[in-house]
């Protein structure tokens, strides 16, 4: 698996994921907040399978 999630994208995914999970734990948005686990994982591993069919990558290209 080649990394396809860059720096800003990675941070945004992790922040949004943690926020969703925190809201789900606190009972403010219900069980759908647990979907926040997905962006946490894709940000942590720097790989998003949804980018593959489109050939997308937010990583900087090597010089």
PDB file of N, CA and C in Angstrom:
ATOM      1  N   UNK A   1       0.839  -1.179   0.000  1.00  0.00           N
ATOM      2  CA  UNK A   1       0.000   0.000   0.000  1.00  0.00           C
ATOM      3  C   UNK A   1       0.883   1.241   0.000  1.00  0.00           C
ATOM      4  N   UNK A   2       0.761   2.012  -1.045  1.00  0.00           N
ATOM      5  CA  UNK A   2       1.502   3.261  -1.126  1.00  0.00           C
ATOM      6  C   UNK A   2       0.660   4.376  -0.517  1.00  0.00           C
ATOM      7  N   UNK A   3       1.292   5.220   0.292  1.00  0.00           N
ATOM      8  CA  UNK A   3       0.572   6.317   0.950  1.00  0.00           C
ATOM      9  C   UNK A   3      -0.076   7.221  -0.100  1.00  0.00           C
ATOM     10  N   UNK A   4      -1.347   7.583   0.129  1.00  0.00           N
ATOM     11  CA  UNK A   4      -2.033   8.507  -0.776  1.00  0.00           C
ATOM     12  C   UNK A   4      -2.781   9.602  -0.014  1.00  0.00           C
ATOM     13  N   UNK A   5      -2.519   9.718   1.286  1.00  0.00           N
ATOM     14  CA  UNK A   5      -3.130  10.761   2.116  1.00  0.00           C
ATOM     15  C   UNK A   5      -2.008  11.648   2.638  1.00  0.00           C
ATOM     16  N   UNK A   6      -2.017  12.916   2.215  1.00  0.00           N
ATOM     17  CA  UNK A   6      -0.960  13.860   2.584  1.00  0.00           C
ATOM     18  C   UNK A   6      -1.171  14.508   3.937  1.00  0.00           C
ATOM     19  N   UNK A   7      -0.291  15.453   4.272  1.00  0.00           N
ATOM     20  CA  UNK A   7      -0.232  16.065   5.589  1.00  0.00           C
ATOM     21  C   UNK A   7      -1.505  16.754   6.055  1.00  0.00           C
ATOM     22  N   UNK A   8      -1.982  17.753   5.297  1.00  0.00           N
ATOM     23  CA  UNK A   8      -3.177  18.496   5.710  1.00  0.00           C
ATOM     24  C   UNK A   8      -4.394  17.580   5.706  1.00  0.00           C
ATOM     25  N   UNK A   9      -4.511  16.749   4.675  1.00  0.00           N
ATOM     26  CA  UNK A   9      -5.606  15.795   4.571  1.00  0.00           C
ATOM     27  C   UNK A   9      -5.592  14.848   5.773  1.00  0.00           C
ATOM     28  N   UNK A  10      -4.413  14.411   6.136  1.00  0.00           N
ATOM     29  CA  UNK A  10      -4.253  13.477   7.255  1.00  0.00           C
ATOM     30  C   UNK A  10      -4.724  14.093   8.573  1.00  0.00           C
ATOM     31  N   UNK A  11      -4.261  15.297   8.850  1.00  0.00           N
ATOM     32  CA  UNK A  11      -4.645  15.986  10.084  1.00  0.00           C
ATOM     33  C   UNK A  11      -6.153  16.227  10.113  1.00  0.00           C
ATOM     34  N   UNK A  12      -6.713  16.679   8.996  1.00  0.00           N
ATOM     35  CA  UNK A  12      -8.156  16.951   8.935  1.00  0.00           C
ATOM     36  C   UNK A  12      -8.964  15.683   9.191  1.00  0.00           C
ATOM     37  N   UNK A  13      -8.547  14.574   8.598  1.00  0.00           N
ATOM     38  CA  UNK A  13      -9.261  13.304   8.805  1.00  0.00           C
ATOM     39  C   UNK A  13      -9.248  12.889  10.266  1.00  0.00           C
ATOM     40  N   UNK A  14      -8.076  12.978  10.891  1.00  0.00           N
ATOM     41  CA  UNK A  14      -7.959  12.551  12.282  1.00  0.00           C
ATOM     42  C   UNK A  14      -8.779  13.454  13.197  1.00  0.00           C
ATOM     43  N   UNK A  15      -8.724  14.771  12.979  1.00  0.00           N
ATOM     44  CA  UNK A  15      -9.471  15.708  13.820  1.00  0.00           C
ATOM     45  C   UNK A  15     -10.975  15.479  13.679  1.00  0.00           C
ATOM     46  N   UNK A  16     -11.458  15.371  12.451  1.00  0.00           N
ATOM     47  CA  UNK A  16     -12.891  15.155  12.222  1.00  0.00           C
ATOM     48  C   UNK A  16     -13.321  13.806  12.793  1.00  0.00           C
ATOM     49  N   UNK A  17     -12.503  12.781  12.608  1.00  0.00           N
ATOM     50  CA  UNK A  17     -12.824  11.464  13.139  1.00  0.00           C
ATOM     51  C   UNK A  17     -12.926  11.454  14.652  1.00  0.00           C
ATOM     52  N   UNK A  18     -11.966  12.075  15.319  1.00  0.00           N
ATOM     53  CA  UNK A  18     -11.983  12.141  16.783  1.00  0.00           C
ATOM     54  C   UNK A  18     -13.207  12.927  17.260  1.00  0.00           C
ATOM     55  N   UNK A  19     -13.512  14.018  16.567  1.00  0.00           N
ATOM     56  CA  UNK A  19     -14.687  14.816  16.924  1.00  0.00           C
ATOM     57  C   UNK A  19     -15.971  13.988  16.804  1.00  0.00           C
ATOM     58  N   UNK A  20     -16.126  13.253  15.709  1.00  0.00           N
ATOM     59  CA  UNK A  20     -17.325  12.423  15.523  1.00  0.00           C
ATOM     60  C   UNK A  20     -17.443  11.347  16.602  1.00  0.00           C
ATOM     61  N   UNK A  21     -16.338  10.683  16.891  1.00  0.00           N
ATOM     62  CA  UNK A  21     -16.369   9.629  17.908  1.00  0.00           C
ATOM     63  C   UNK A  21     -16.673  10.234  19.283  1.00  0.00           C
ATOM     64  N   UNK A  22     -16.080  11.382  19.590  1.00  0.00           N
ATOM     65  CA  UNK A  22     -16.341  12.034  20.872  1.00  0.00           C
ATOM     66  C   UNK A  22     -17.813  12.418  21.007  1.00  0.00           C
ATOM     67  N   UNK A  23     -18.402  12.920  19.924  1.00  0.00           N
ATOM     68  CA  UNK A  23     -19.825  13.272  19.955  1.00  0.00           C
ATOM     69  C   UNK A  23     -20.700  12.034  20.112  1.00  0.00           C
ATOM     70  N   UNK A  24     -20.282  10.914  19.514  1.00  0.00           N
ATOM     71  CA  UNK A  24     -21.037   9.669  19.654  1.00  0.00           C
ATOM     72  C   UNK A  24     -20.940   9.139  21.088  1.00  0.00           C
ATOM     73  N   UNK A  25     -19.758   9.217  21.665  1.00  0.00           N
ATOM     74  CA  UNK A  25     -19.559   8.741  23.039  1.00  0.00           C
ATOM     75  C   UNK A  25     -20.381   9.573  24.014  1.00  0.00           C
ATOM     76  N   UNK A  26     -20.459  10.874  23.757  1.00  0.00           N
ATOM     77  CA  UNK A  26     -21.209  11.751  24.659  1.00  0.00           C
ATOM     78  C   UNK A  26     -22.715  11.688  24.410  1.00  0.00           C
ATOM     79  N   UNK A  27     -23.121  10.964  23.370  1.00  0.00           N
ATOM     80  CA  UNK A  27     -24.539  10.785  23.094  1.00  0.00           C
ATOM     81  C   UNK A  27     -25.193  11.943  22.351  1.00  0.00           C
ATOM     82  N   UNK A  28     -24.407  12.835  21.802  1.00  0.00           N
ATOM     83  CA  UNK A  28     -24.965  13.999  21.136  1.00  0.00           C
ATOM     84  C   UNK A  28     -25.402  13.741  19.699  1.00  0.00           C
ATOM     85  N   UNK A  29     -24.769  12.789  19.006  1.00  0.00           N
ATOM     86  CA  UNK A  29     -25.164  12.542  17.621  1.00  0.00           C
ATOM     87  C   UNK A  29     -25.574  11.100  17.335  1.00  0.00           C
ATOM     88  N   UNK A  30     -25.577  10.266  18.309  1.00  0.00           N
ATOM     89  CA  UNK A  30     -26.028   8.889  18.110  1.00  0.00           C
ATOM     90  C   UNK A  30     -24.946   7.990  17.542  1.00  0.00           C
ATOM     91  N   UNK A  31     -25.365   6.800  17.137  1.00  0.00           N
ATOM     92  CA  UNK A  31     -24.418   5.774  16.701  1.00  0.00           C
ATOM     93  C   UNK A  31     -23.718   6.113  15.390  1.00  0.00           C
ATOM     94  N   UNK A  32     -24.273   6.997  14.585  1.00  0.00           N
ATOM     95  CA  UNK A  32     -23.634   7.359  13.317  1.00  0.00           C
ATOM     96  C   UNK A  32     -22.284   8.028  13.534  1.00  0.00           C
ATOM     97  N   UNK A  33     -22.057   8.576  14.705  1.00  0.00           N
ATOM     98  CA  UNK A  33     -20.772   9.198  15.001  1.00  0.00           C
ATOM     99  C   UNK A  33     -19.612   8.222  14.997  1.00  0.00           C
ATOM    100  N   UNK A  34     -19.922   6.948  15.186  1.00  0.00           N
ATOM    101  CA  UNK A  34     -18.867   5.927  15.179  1.00  0.00           C
ATOM    102  C   UNK A  34     -18.235   5.754  13.807  1.00  0.00           C
ATOM    103  N   UNK A  35     -18.863   6.307  12.779  1.00  0.00           N
ATOM    104  CA  UNK A  35     -18.253   6.278  11.449  1.00  0.00           C
ATOM    105  C   UNK A  35     -16.943   7.079  11.454  1.00  0.00           C
ATOM    106  N   UNK A  36     -16.740   7.886  12.489  1.00  0.00           N
ATOM    107  CA  UNK A  36     -15.502   8.640  12.648  1.00  0.00           C
ATOM    108  C   UNK A  36     -14.272   7.762  12.772  1.00  0.00           C
ATOM    109  N   UNK A  37     -14.468   6.499  13.060  1.00  0.00           N
ATOM    110  CA  UNK A  37     -13.341   5.567  13.128  1.00  0.00           C
ATOM    111  C   UNK A  37     -12.670   5.437  11.759  1.00  0.00           C
ATOM    112  N   UNK A  38     -13.449   5.527  10.702  1.00  0.00           N
ATOM    113  CA  UNK A  38     -12.901   5.382   9.347  1.00  0.00           C
ATOM    114  C   UNK A  38     -11.893   6.485   9.023  1.00  0.00           C
ATOM    115  N   UNK A  39     -12.232   7.771   9.179  1.00  0.00           N
ATOM    116  CA  UNK A  39     -11.206   8.779   8.893  1.00  0.00           C
ATOM    117  C   UNK A  39     -10.021   8.735   9.858  1.00  0.00           C
ATOM    118  N   UNK A  40     -10.240   8.286  11.090  1.00  0.00           N
ATOM    119  CA  UNK A  40      -9.110   8.131  12.011  1.00  0.00           C
ATOM    120  C   UNK A  40      -8.139   7.093  11.455  1.00  0.00           C
ATOM    121  N   UNK A  41      -8.656   5.966  11.000  1.00  0.00           N
ATOM    122  CA  UNK A  41      -7.803   4.903  10.460  1.00  0.00           C
ATOM    123  C   UNK A  41      -7.118   5.310   9.162  1.00  0.00           C
ATOM    124  N   UNK A  42      -7.867   5.957   8.250  1.00  0.00           N
ATOM    125  CA  UNK A  42      -7.257   6.350   6.977  1.00  0.00           C
ATOM    126  C   UNK A  42      -6.200   7.441   7.196  1.00  0.00           C
ATOM    127  N   UNK A  43      -6.411   8.313   8.174  1.00  0.00           N
ATOM    128  CA  UNK A  43      -5.410   9.320   8.486  1.00  0.00           C
ATOM    129  C   UNK A  43      -4.194   8.720   9.163  1.00  0.00           C
ATOM    130  N   UNK A  44      -4.422   7.773  10.038  1.00  0.00           N
ATOM    131  CA  UNK A  44      -3.320   7.136  10.755  1.00  0.00           C
ATOM    132  C   UNK A  44      -2.433   6.323   9.815  1.00  0.00           C
ATOM    133  N   UNK A  45      -3.044   5.558   8.931  1.00  0.00           N
ATOM    134  CA  UNK A  45      -2.274   4.705   8.025  1.00  0.00           C
ATOM    135  C   UNK A  45      -1.878   5.397   6.726  1.00  0.00           C
ATOM    136  N   UNK A  46      -2.350   6.655   6.525  1.00  0.00           N
ATOM    137  CA  UNK A  46      -2.034   7.463   5.351  1.00  0.00           C
ATOM    138  C   UNK A  46      -2.430   6.782   4.041  1.00  0.00           C
ATOM    139  N   UNK A  47      -3.486   5.998   4.085  1.00  0.00           N
ATOM    140  CA  UNK A  47      -3.949   5.288   2.896  1.00  0.00           C
ATOM    141  C   UNK A  47      -5.467   5.259   2.889  1.00  0.00           C
ATOM    142  N   UNK A  48      -6.050   5.713   1.775  1.00  0.00           N
ATOM    143  CA  UNK A  48      -7.504   5.740   1.648  1.00  0.00           C
ATOM    144  C   UNK A  48      -7.915   4.916   0.426  1.00  0.00           C
ATOM    145  N   UNK A  49      -8.650   3.825   0.639  1.00  0.00           N
ATOM    146  CA  UNK A  49      -9.052   2.987  -0.489  1.00  0.00           C
ATOM    147  C   UNK A  49     -10.005   3.698  -1.449  1.00  0.00           C
ATOM    148  N   UNK A  50     -10.733   4.703  -0.992  1.00  0.00           N
ATOM    149  CA  UNK A  50     -11.655   5.429  -1.876  1.00  0.00           C
ATOM    150  C   UNK A  50     -10.897   6.265  -2.906  1.00  0.00           C
ATOM    151  N   UNK A  51      -9.641   6.589  -2.665  1.00  0.00           N
ATOM    152  CA  UNK A  51      -8.838   7.356  -3.616  1.00  0.00           C
ATOM    153  C   UNK A  51      -8.364   6.492  -4.790  1.00  0.00           C
ATOM    154  N   UNK A  52      -8.248   5.185  -4.588  1.00  0.00           N
ATOM    155  CA  UNK A  52      -7.666   4.298  -5.600  1.00  0.00           C
ATOM    156  C   UNK A  52      -8.379   4.313  -6.953  1.00  0.00           C
ATOM    157  N   UNK A  53      -9.715   4.150  -7.019  1.00  0.00           N
ATOM    158  CA  UNK A  53     -10.358   4.087  -8.338  1.00  0.00           C
ATOM    159  C   UNK A  53     -10.213   5.382  -9.147  1.00  0.00           C
ATOM    160  N   UNK A  54      -9.972   6.486  -8.449  1.00  0.00           N
ATOM    161  CA  UNK A  54      -9.864   7.775  -9.117  1.00  0.00           C
ATOM    162  C   UNK A  54      -8.423   8.212  -9.328  1.00  0.00           C
ATOM    163  N   UNK A  55      -7.485   7.443  -8.826  1.00  0.00           N
ATOM    164  CA  UNK A  55      -6.077   7.773  -8.964  1.00  0.00           C
ATOM    165  C   UNK A  55      -5.676   9.023  -8.193  1.00  0.00           C
ATOM    166  N   UNK A  56      -6.370   9.314  -7.114  1.00  0.00           N
ATOM    167  CA  UNK A  56      -6.109  10.518  -6.338  1.00  0.00           C
ATOM    168  C   UNK A  56      -5.020  10.290  -5.302  1.00  0.00           C
ATOM    169  N   UNK A  57      -4.316  11.358  -4.963  1.00  0.00           N
ATOM    170  CA  UNK A  57      -3.350  11.353  -3.894  1.00  0.00           C
ATOM    171  C   UNK A  57      -3.169  12.787  -3.426  1.00  0.00           C
ATOM    172  N   UNK A  58      -3.125  12.984  -2.121  1.00  0.00           N
ATOM    173  CA  UNK A  58      -2.863  14.315  -1.585  1.00  0.00           C
ATOM    174  C   UNK A  58      -1.455  14.423  -1.037  1.00  0.00           C
ATOM    175  N   UNK A  59      -0.639  13.396  -1.297  1.00  0.00           N
ATOM    176  CA  UNK A  59       0.759  13.428  -0.888  1.00  0.00           C
ATOM    177  C   UNK A  59       1.548  14.315  -1.851  1.00  0.00           C
ATOM    178  N   UNK A  60       2.573  14.955  -1.326  1.00  0.00           N
ATOM    179  CA  UNK A  60       3.450  15.752  -2.186  1.00  0.00           C
ATOM    180  C   UNK A  60       4.200  14.814  -3.113  1.00  0.00           C
ATOM    181  N   UNK A  61       4.368  15.255  -4.314  1.00  0.00           N
ATOM    182  CA  UNK A  61       5.114  14.445  -5.288  1.00  0.00           C
ATOM    183  C   UNK A  61       6.604  14.627  -5.044  1.00  0.00           C
ATOM    184  N   UNK A  62       7.368  13.545  -5.195  1.00  0.00           N
ATOM    185  CA  UNK A  62       8.811  13.665  -4.984  1.00  0.00           C
ATOM    186  C   UNK A  62       9.439  14.631  -5.992  1.00  0.00           C
ATOM    187  N   UNK A  63      10.336  15.478  -5.491  1.00  0.00           N
ATOM    188  CA  UNK A  63      10.994  16.543  -6.214  1.00  0.00           C
ATOM    189  C   UNK A  63      11.334  16.274  -7.593  1.00  0.00           C
TER     190      UNK A  63
END
